[in-house]
Amino acid sequence: MTGKSREMDETPDVGDVEIQEDVVADPLAEAQAKADQYLDMARRLQADFDNYRKRTQRENEEFRKFACSSIVSDLLTIVDDLDRALEHAGEETEFVKGIRGIRANTMKVLESNGLQEIPSEGRFDPNVHEALCTVEGEEDDMVAEVFQKGYTLNGRVLRYSKVKVTRKTS
């Protein structure tokens, strides 16, 4: 072979050039696809973390709202005892006025922490009342008597009202 023919054989023809561009384009496309995949994974991971952070924040707020429920429940038994003592108090002495003041202050503290009394007059509501017995009355499902007051703490029932419910006589 002559020198000219050797040069012609070594020069790539147009078909070879396209193959080389494809070889260069494939790694670039692969790298871009991997980069897109990693970016998508990073975005998903960030979204998962944001959801986790929000969920734990909600759970912590919920925990704080109801963490004191056992102490509030225990204090309600003291309030009940004060109510029973005040029911049997005779004349309005300074001592009785002091007990009423203690009860009022205790309820203010409890109410400032989310405690609310459940209304017990009117129609019986099984979501907030516990029927202990029934008595004949003019209408069905009316609260006739309250044995123990009920309370909610931050919208959740802490203690159901224990009541007597009427049944219409036939």
Protein backbone atom coordinates (compact mmCIF):
# COMPACT_ATOMS: atom_id res chain seq x y z
CA MET A 1 0.00 0.00 0.00
CA THR A 2 1.09 3.37 -0.76
CA GLY A 3 1.23 6.24 1.67
CA LYS A 4 -1.86 7.82 0.18
CA SER A 5 -3.93 4.70 0.47
CA ARG A 6 -2.84 4.27 4.06
CA GLU A 7 -4.02 7.77 4.91
CA MET A 8 -7.38 7.07 3.31
CA ASP A 9 -7.79 3.88 5.29
CA GLU A 10 -6.99 5.59 8.59
CA THR A 11 -9.37 8.47 8.13
CA PRO A 12 -12.72 7.64 9.54
CA ASP A 13 -15.65 7.78 7.24
CA VAL A 14 -18.91 9.54 8.16
CA GLY A 15 -20.51 6.40 9.60
CA ASP A 16 -17.67 5.98 12.09
CA VAL A 17 -18.04 9.58 13.29
CA GLU A 18 -21.74 9.09 14.09
CA ILE A 19 -20.93 6.01 16.12
CA GLN A 20 -18.36 7.94 18.10
CA GLU A 21 -20.91 10.71 18.81
CA ASP A 22 -23.40 8.09 20.03
CA VAL A 23 -20.75 6.65 22.30
CA VAL A 24 -20.13 10.14 23.72
CA ALA A 25 -23.88 10.94 23.91
CA ASP A 26 -24.79 7.74 25.80
CA PRO A 27 -22.57 8.44 28.84
CA LEU A 28 -23.81 12.01 28.86
CA ALA A 29 -27.43 10.87 28.76
CA GLU A 30 -26.72 8.26 31.41
CA ALA A 31 -25.08 10.87 33.63
CA GLN A 32 -28.03 13.24 33.12
CA ALA A 33 -30.51 10.45 33.91
CA LYS A 34 -28.58 9.54 37.06
CA ALA A 35 -28.43 13.20 38.08
CA ASP A 36 -32.20 13.51 37.57
CA GLN A 37 -32.72 10.32 39.56
CA TYR A 38 -30.56 11.59 42.44
CA LEU A 39 -32.31 14.96 42.37
CA ASP A 40 -35.69 13.21 42.53
CA MET A 41 -34.49 11.06 45.43
CA ALA A 42 -33.20 14.15 47.25
CA ARG A 43 -36.52 15.94 46.77
CA ARG A 44 -38.45 12.91 48.04
CA LEU A 45 -36.15 12.62 51.02
CA GLN A 46 -36.62 16.32 51.79
CA ALA A 47 -40.42 15.95 51.53
CA ASP A 48 -40.35 12.87 53.77
CA PHE A 49 -38.28 14.75 56.32
CA ASP A 50 -40.65 17.76 56.22
CA ASN A 51 -43.62 15.42 56.75
CA TYR A 52 -41.81 13.71 59.63
CA ARG A 53 -40.99 17.05 61.24
CA LYS A 54 -44.60 18.27 60.94
CA ARG A 55 -45.98 14.98 62.27
CA THR A 56 -43.69 14.97 65.31
CA GLN A 57 -44.53 18.61 65.97
CA ARG A 58 -48.27 17.76 65.93
CA GLU A 59 -47.67 14.75 68.19
CA ASN A 60 -45.68 16.88 70.63
CA GLU A 61 -48.42 19.51 70.74
CA GLU A 62 -51.01 16.79 71.31
CA PHE A 63 -48.87 15.30 74.07
CA ARG A 64 -48.49 18.69 75.76
CA LYS A 65 -52.26 19.24 75.64
CA PHE A 66 -53.06 16.00 77.42
CA ALA A 67 -49.92 15.35 79.48
CA CYS A 68 -51.55 16.89 82.52
CA SER A 69 -54.79 14.89 82.18
CA SER A 70 -54.00 12.53 85.08
CA ILE A 71 -53.19 15.35 87.51
CA VAL A 72 -56.29 17.26 86.39
CA SER A 73 -58.38 14.14 86.94
CA ASP A 74 -56.92 13.74 90.42
CA LEU A 75 -57.63 17.39 91.22
CA LEU A 76 -61.24 16.93 90.10
CA THR A 77 -61.77 14.44 92.92
CA ILE A 78 -60.67 17.18 95.33
CA VAL A 79 -63.08 19.63 93.69
CA ASP A 80 -65.85 17.02 94.08
CA ASP A 81 -64.99 16.67 97.76
CA LEU A 82 -65.13 20.44 98.19
CA ASP A 83 -68.54 20.51 96.43
CA ARG A 84 -69.90 17.81 98.76
CA ALA A 85 -68.56 19.65 101.79
CA LEU A 86 -70.15 22.90 100.62
CA GLU A 87 -73.51 21.17 100.05
CA HIS A 88 -73.59 20.20 103.73
CA ALA A 89 -72.22 23.46 105.06
CA GLY A 90 -74.66 25.19 107.34
CA GLU A 91 -74.45 28.90 107.68
CA GLU A 92 -72.18 31.06 105.53
CA THR A 93 -69.26 31.51 107.92
CA GLU A 94 -65.83 32.83 107.06
CA PHE A 95 -64.61 29.23 106.89
CA VAL A 96 -67.27 28.29 104.31
CA LYS A 97 -66.45 31.43 102.30
CA GLY A 98 -62.80 30.39 102.35
CA ILE A 99 -63.66 26.89 101.08
CA ARG A 100 -65.75 28.44 98.27
CA GLY A 101 -62.79 30.67 97.38
CA ILE A 102 -60.41 27.70 97.29
CA ARG A 103 -62.80 25.81 95.02
CA ALA A 104 -63.21 28.83 92.72
CA ASN A 105 -59.44 29.36 92.48
CA THR A 106 -58.83 25.68 91.78
CA MET A 107 -61.41 25.73 88.98
CA LYS A 108 -59.85 28.90 87.49
CA VAL A 109 -56.46 27.18 87.33
CA LEU A 110 -57.95 24.05 85.80
CA GLU A 111 -60.00 26.03 83.28
CA SER A 112 -56.93 28.04 82.25
CA ASN A 113 -55.34 24.69 81.37
CA GLY A 114 -58.21 23.65 79.07
CA LEU A 115 -60.75 22.10 81.46
CA GLN A 116 -64.45 22.72 80.75
CA GLU A 117 -67.51 21.44 82.53
CA ILE A 118 -69.91 19.36 80.42
CA PRO A 119 -73.41 20.84 80.50
CA SER A 120 -75.68 18.30 82.15
CA GLU A 121 -79.12 19.80 81.76
CA GLY A 122 -81.33 19.05 78.81
CA ARG A 123 -81.16 16.06 76.50
CA PHE A 124 -79.05 12.98 77.26
CA ASP A 125 -75.97 12.73 75.02
CA PRO A 126 -74.17 9.36 75.14
CA ASN A 127 -71.00 11.05 73.88
CA VAL A 128 -70.60 13.02 77.12
CA HIS A 129 -73.06 11.45 79.60
CA GLU A 130 -73.06 8.10 81.35
CA ALA A 131 -76.56 6.93 82.27
CA LEU A 132 -76.54 5.19 85.64
CA CYS A 133 -80.29 4.64 85.91
CA THR A 134 -83.63 5.70 84.47
CA VAL A 135 -86.71 7.26 85.97
CA GLU A 136 -90.20 7.86 84.60
CA GLY A 137 -90.71 11.30 83.12
CA GLU A 138 -92.67 13.37 80.63
CA GLU A 139 -90.11 12.99 77.82
CA ASP A 140 -87.60 10.37 76.71
CA ASP A 141 -83.85 10.88 77.10
CA MET A 142 -83.83 13.94 79.32
CA VAL A 143 -81.32 14.34 82.15
CA ALA A 144 -83.29 14.14 85.39
CA GLU A 145 -80.45 14.30 87.91
CA VAL A 146 -76.67 14.68 87.88
CA PHE A 147 -74.75 12.36 90.22
CA GLN A 148 -71.28 13.53 89.17
CA LYS A 149 -70.27 16.41 86.90
CA GLY A 150 -68.36 15.62 83.73
CA TYR A 151 -65.47 17.53 82.21
CA THR A 152 -63.57 17.86 78.95
CA LEU A 153 -59.89 18.69 78.67
CA ASN A 154 -58.99 20.57 75.49
CA GLY A 155 -62.07 19.21 73.72
CA ARG A 156 -61.59 15.56 74.75
CA VAL A 157 -63.82 13.97 77.39
CA LEU A 158 -61.83 13.57 80.58
CA ARG A 159 -64.71 12.36 82.74
CA TYR A 160 -68.25 11.58 81.65
CA SER A 161 -71.19 13.13 83.51
CA LYS A 162 -72.94 10.45 85.56
CA VAL A 163 -76.66 11.11 85.22
CA LYS A 164 -80.16 9.75 85.73
CA VAL A 165 -82.18 9.68 82.49
CA THR A 166 -85.95 9.93 82.02
CA ARG A 167 -88.13 7.43 80.14
CA LYS A 168 -91.58 8.43 78.96
CA THR A 169 -94.35 6.49 80.66
CA SER A 170 -96.63 4.64 78.30
